[in-house]
Amino acid sequence: MGFCLVSKCYMCGKEEESLDHLIWKCEFAEEGWSWIHSIFGHARSYSIEDILRAAKHQSQAIKEVWTIGELSPAQQVVHGTG
């Protein structure tokens, strides 16, 4: 009989560490997303599909900036560089 230890998020220490939590739900990720969404004036995204869908109807330049701006915080959270 063994024990199952739950790994806590290294950013907030409040929730179980998972990719979903680190990218979308951690309070630190939430702050980053809120900042980006306030700049672009888009509704809050909770998936990569939402991000790409929102960028789809923009000019090419805005689409590229939006996609990079949206995906960069996710990459930083996953790699611990943010």
Protein backbone atom coordinates (compact mmCIF):
# COMPACT_ATOMS: atom_id res chain seq x y z
CA MET A 1 0.00 0.00 0.00
CA GLY A 2 1.51 3.30 -1.07
CA PHE A 3 0.76 6.97 -0.84
CA CYS A 4 -0.10 9.28 -3.70
CA LEU A 5 1.53 12.67 -3.22
CA VAL A 6 0.01 15.58 -5.06
CA SER A 7 2.49 18.00 -6.56
CA LYS A 8 1.55 21.60 -5.81
CA CYS A 9 1.97 24.39 -8.35
CA TYR A 10 5.43 25.90 -7.96
CA MET A 11 4.07 29.34 -8.90
CA CYS A 12 1.17 29.72 -6.45
CA GLY A 13 1.48 26.65 -4.21
CA LYS A 14 -2.31 26.42 -4.01
CA GLU A 15 -3.45 23.93 -6.61
CA GLU A 16 -2.28 20.62 -8.01
CA GLU A 17 0.35 21.21 -10.65
CA SER A 18 -0.94 20.38 -14.12
CA LEU A 19 -0.39 21.85 -17.55
CA ASP A 20 -3.97 23.15 -17.55
CA HIS A 21 -3.44 24.87 -14.21
CA LEU A 22 -0.04 26.36 -15.11
CA ILE A 23 -1.18 27.81 -18.43
CA TRP A 24 -4.77 28.83 -17.78
CA LYS A 25 -5.80 28.76 -14.12
CA CYS A 26 -2.85 29.68 -11.89
CA GLU A 27 -3.33 33.15 -10.39
CA PHE A 28 -0.05 34.25 -11.97
CA ALA A 29 -1.15 33.03 -15.41
CA GLU A 30 -4.51 34.75 -14.89
CA GLU A 31 -2.75 38.08 -14.30
CA GLY A 32 -0.77 37.69 -17.50
CA TRP A 33 -3.83 36.75 -19.51
CA SER A 34 -5.83 39.67 -18.09
CA TRP A 35 -3.08 42.10 -19.06
CA ILE A 36 -2.87 40.78 -22.62
CA HIS A 37 -6.64 40.76 -23.06
CA SER A 38 -6.89 44.34 -21.80
CA ILE A 39 -4.38 45.42 -24.46
CA PHE A 40 -6.20 43.69 -27.31
CA GLY A 41 -9.73 44.17 -26.00
CA HIS A 42 -10.65 40.52 -26.48
CA ALA A 43 -12.66 38.26 -24.23
CA ARG A 44 -10.71 35.91 -21.95
CA SER A 45 -9.48 32.79 -23.75
CA TYR A 46 -9.21 29.42 -22.06
CA SER A 47 -7.74 27.39 -24.91
CA ILE A 48 -5.30 27.64 -27.78
CA GLU A 49 -8.28 27.20 -30.12
CA ASP A 50 -9.95 30.32 -28.65
CA ILE A 51 -6.75 32.32 -29.17
CA LEU A 52 -6.41 31.28 -32.79
CA ARG A 53 -10.13 31.84 -33.44
CA ALA A 54 -9.90 35.39 -32.05
CA ALA A 55 -6.86 36.13 -34.22
CA LYS A 56 -8.52 34.74 -37.34
CA HIS A 57 -10.61 37.85 -38.01
CA GLN A 58 -7.79 40.38 -37.61
CA SER A 59 -5.38 41.87 -40.14
CA GLN A 60 -2.26 39.78 -40.72
CA ALA A 61 -0.08 42.08 -38.58
CA ILE A 62 -2.56 42.10 -35.68
CA LYS A 63 -3.06 38.34 -36.04
CA GLU A 64 0.67 37.72 -35.66
CA VAL A 65 1.06 40.07 -32.68
CA TRP A 66 -2.06 38.65 -31.01
CA THR A 67 -0.96 35.04 -31.49
CA ILE A 68 2.57 35.71 -30.23
CA GLY A 69 1.26 37.79 -27.32
CA GLU A 70 -1.18 35.08 -26.35
CA LEU A 71 1.15 32.12 -26.67
CA SER A 72 4.25 33.69 -25.12
CA PRO A 73 2.95 33.76 -21.51
CA ALA A 74 1.87 30.13 -21.81
CA GLN A 75 5.36 29.15 -22.91
CA GLN A 76 6.95 31.19 -20.10
CA VAL A 77 4.74 29.59 -17.45
CA VAL A 78 5.46 26.07 -18.71
CA HIS A 79 9.21 26.69 -18.87
CA GLY A 80 9.35 28.77 -15.67
CA THR A 81 10.89 31.79 -17.37
CA GLY A 82 8.14 34.31 -16.69
